[in-house]
């Protein structure tokens, strides 16, 4: 299966909504991405029913080792976005993978 990109999403939006132009679908997608990005940048979580929850995670600083030299290093603390799928989405993905087998 091929990955889906922005163009594919825009075409899918146009197929779902009668009369939706390419430029309107593109602007709508950009608006959604901007809203999601700003919310996460402000450390807010986003809950989309039947899809999932976007949020941020904090990883503490920890010690590790350099893979080539095996010297000890400190891995700095980092804040990263994460996604938790809803039970509904998990079920749909599971059904899809069962069909492929």
C-alpha atoms as a PDB file:
ATOM      1  CA  UNK A   1       0.000   0.000   0.000  1.00  0.00           C
ATOM      2  CA  UNK A   2       1.239   3.465  -0.865  1.00  0.00           C
ATOM      3  CA  UNK A   3       1.413   6.276   1.641  1.00  0.00           C
ATOM      4  CA  UNK A   4      -1.190   9.023   1.417  1.00  0.00           C
ATOM      5  CA  UNK A   5      -0.066  12.622   1.003  1.00  0.00           C
ATOM      6  CA  UNK A   6      -1.801  16.012   1.147  1.00  0.00           C
ATOM      7  CA  UNK A   7      -2.968  15.778  -2.464  1.00  0.00           C
ATOM      8  CA  UNK A   8      -4.631  12.431  -1.767  1.00  0.00           C
ATOM      9  CA  UNK A   9      -6.391  13.837   1.297  1.00  0.00           C
ATOM     10  CA  UNK A  10      -7.621  16.856  -0.672  1.00  0.00           C
ATOM     11  CA  UNK A  11      -8.965  14.608  -3.431  1.00  0.00           C
ATOM     12  CA  UNK A  12     -10.644  12.437  -0.796  1.00  0.00           C
ATOM     13  CA  UNK A  13     -12.275  15.488   0.758  1.00  0.00           C
ATOM     14  CA  UNK A  14     -13.557  16.548  -2.658  1.00  0.00           C
ATOM     15  CA  UNK A  15     -15.012  13.066  -3.215  1.00  0.00           C
ATOM     16  CA  UNK A  16     -16.784  13.141   0.182  1.00  0.00           C
ATOM     17  CA  UNK A  17     -18.343  16.612  -0.165  1.00  0.00           C
ATOM     18  CA  UNK A  18     -20.318  17.395  -3.319  1.00  0.00           C
ATOM     19  CA  UNK A  19     -19.346  20.694  -4.920  1.00  0.00           C
ATOM     20  CA  UNK A  20     -16.181  21.151  -2.842  1.00  0.00           C
ATOM     21  CA  UNK A  21     -13.523  22.740  -5.027  1.00  0.00           C
ATOM     22  CA  UNK A  22      -9.850  21.852  -4.898  1.00  0.00           C
ATOM     23  CA  UNK A  23      -8.934  25.279  -3.522  1.00  0.00           C
ATOM     24  CA  UNK A  24     -11.574  25.094  -0.765  1.00  0.00           C
ATOM     25  CA  UNK A  25     -10.541  21.561   0.205  1.00  0.00           C
ATOM     26  CA  UNK A  26      -6.893  22.626   0.260  1.00  0.00           C
ATOM     27  CA  UNK A  27      -7.666  25.695   2.387  1.00  0.00           C
ATOM     28  CA  UNK A  28      -9.762  23.578   4.768  1.00  0.00           C
ATOM     29  CA  UNK A  29      -6.990  21.036   5.224  1.00  0.00           C
ATOM     30  CA  UNK A  30      -4.444  23.795   5.846  1.00  0.00           C
ATOM     31  CA  UNK A  31      -6.767  25.375   8.439  1.00  0.00           C
ATOM     32  CA  UNK A  32      -7.157  22.058  10.287  1.00  0.00           C
ATOM     33  CA  UNK A  33      -3.394  21.430  10.271  1.00  0.00           C
ATOM     34  CA  UNK A  34      -2.746  24.974  11.515  1.00  0.00           C
ATOM     35  CA  UNK A  35      -5.262  24.606  14.366  1.00  0.00           C
ATOM     36  CA  UNK A  36      -3.803  21.251  15.423  1.00  0.00           C
ATOM     37  CA  UNK A  37      -0.240  22.564  15.251  1.00  0.00           C
ATOM     38  CA  UNK A  38      -1.016  25.692  17.274  1.00  0.00           C
ATOM     39  CA  UNK A  39      -2.865  23.714  19.943  1.00  0.00           C
ATOM     40  CA  UNK A  40       0.024  21.270  20.353  1.00  0.00           C
ATOM     41  CA  UNK A  41       2.555  24.131  20.387  1.00  0.00           C
ATOM     42  CA  UNK A  42       0.523  25.619  23.265  1.00  0.00           C
ATOM     43  CA  UNK A  43       0.647  22.260  25.091  1.00  0.00           C
ATOM     44  CA  UNK A  44      -3.068  21.615  24.585  1.00  0.00           C
ATOM     45  CA  UNK A  45      -4.495  18.211  23.736  1.00  0.00           C
ATOM     46  CA  UNK A  46      -6.956  17.613  20.907  1.00  0.00           C
ATOM     47  CA  UNK A  47      -9.695  14.978  21.139  1.00  0.00           C
ATOM     48  CA  UNK A  48     -11.463  13.932  17.931  1.00  0.00           C
ATOM     49  CA  UNK A  49     -14.327  11.516  18.596  1.00  0.00           C
ATOM     50  CA  UNK A  50     -14.002   8.126  16.876  1.00  0.00           C
ATOM     51  CA  UNK A  51     -10.480   9.079  15.730  1.00  0.00           C
ATOM     52  CA  UNK A  52      -8.213   9.698  18.685  1.00  0.00           C
ATOM     53  CA  UNK A  53      -6.354  12.143  20.856  1.00  0.00           C
ATOM     54  CA  UNK A  54      -3.335  14.257  19.979  1.00  0.00           C
ATOM     55  CA  UNK A  55      -1.212  15.389  22.884  1.00  0.00           C
ATOM     56  CA  UNK A  56       2.310  16.029  24.048  1.00  0.00           C
ATOM     57  CA  UNK A  57       4.664  13.814  26.043  1.00  0.00           C
ATOM     58  CA  UNK A  58       7.659  14.770  28.135  1.00  0.00           C
ATOM     59  CA  UNK A  59      10.654  12.476  28.058  1.00  0.00           C
ATOM     60  CA  UNK A  60      13.039  12.938  30.966  1.00  0.00           C
ATOM     61  CA  UNK A  61      16.753  13.300  30.461  1.00  0.00           C
ATOM     62  CA  UNK A  62      18.472   9.961  30.690  1.00  0.00           C
ATOM     63  CA  UNK A  63      21.852   8.375  30.247  1.00  0.00           C
ATOM     64  CA  UNK A  64      22.747   6.251  27.266  1.00  0.00           C
ATOM     65  CA  UNK A  65      25.760   5.197  25.245  1.00  0.00           C
ATOM     66  CA  UNK A  66      27.101   6.268  21.868  1.00  0.00           C
ATOM     67  CA  UNK A  67      26.360   3.405  19.429  1.00  0.00           C
ATOM     68  CA  UNK A  68      29.851   3.401  17.849  1.00  0.00           C
ATOM     69  CA  UNK A  69      32.150   4.307  20.703  1.00  0.00           C
ATOM     70  CA  UNK A  70      30.003   2.974  23.557  1.00  0.00           C
ATOM     71  CA  UNK A  71      30.956   6.071  25.545  1.00  0.00           C
ATOM     72  CA  UNK A  72      28.346   7.174  28.072  1.00  0.00           C
ATOM     73  CA  UNK A  73      26.281  10.175  26.972  1.00  0.00           C
ATOM     74  CA  UNK A  74      23.401  12.166  28.401  1.00  0.00           C
ATOM     75  CA  UNK A  75      20.244  12.207  26.286  1.00  0.00           C
ATOM     76  CA  UNK A  76      18.522  15.544  26.947  1.00  0.00           C
ATOM     77  CA  UNK A  77      14.924  16.051  28.062  1.00  0.00           C
ATOM     78  CA  UNK A  78      12.519  16.494  25.152  1.00  0.00           C
ATOM     79  CA  UNK A  79       8.852  17.303  24.592  1.00  0.00           C
ATOM     80  CA  UNK A  80       7.262  15.480  21.652  1.00  0.00           C
ATOM     81  CA  UNK A  81       3.790  15.213  20.114  1.00  0.00           C
ATOM     82  CA  UNK A  82       1.989  11.875  20.321  1.00  0.00           C
ATOM     83  CA  UNK A  83      -1.236  10.318  19.079  1.00  0.00           C
ATOM     84  CA  UNK A  84      -3.493   7.862  20.884  1.00  0.00           C
ATOM     85  CA  UNK A  85      -6.049   6.188  18.603  1.00  0.00           C
ATOM     86  CA  UNK A  86      -9.649   5.779  19.760  1.00  0.00           C
ATOM     87  CA  UNK A  87     -11.072   2.303  20.383  1.00  0.00           C
ATOM     88  CA  UNK A  88     -13.233   2.775  17.269  1.00  0.00           C
ATOM     89  CA  UNK A  89     -10.181   3.498  15.083  1.00  0.00           C
ATOM     90  CA  UNK A  90      -8.283   0.571  16.604  1.00  0.00           C
ATOM     91  CA  UNK A  91     -11.188  -1.736  15.771  1.00  0.00           C
ATOM     92  CA  UNK A  92     -11.353  -0.498  12.152  1.00  0.00           C
ATOM     93  CA  UNK A  93      -7.611  -0.993  11.680  1.00  0.00           C
ATOM     94  CA  UNK A  94      -7.801  -4.473  13.183  1.00  0.00           C
ATOM     95  CA  UNK A  95     -10.684  -5.464  10.886  1.00  0.00           C
ATOM     96  CA  UNK A  96      -8.753  -4.154   7.901  1.00  0.00           C
ATOM     97  CA  UNK A  97      -5.624  -6.131   8.810  1.00  0.00           C
ATOM     98  CA  UNK A  98      -7.683  -9.311   9.292  1.00  0.00           C
ATOM     99  CA  UNK A  99      -9.093  -8.926   5.764  1.00  0.00           C
ATOM    100  CA  UNK A 100      -5.590  -8.583   4.315  1.00  0.00           C
ATOM    101  CA  UNK A 101      -4.488 -11.911   5.778  1.00  0.00           C
END
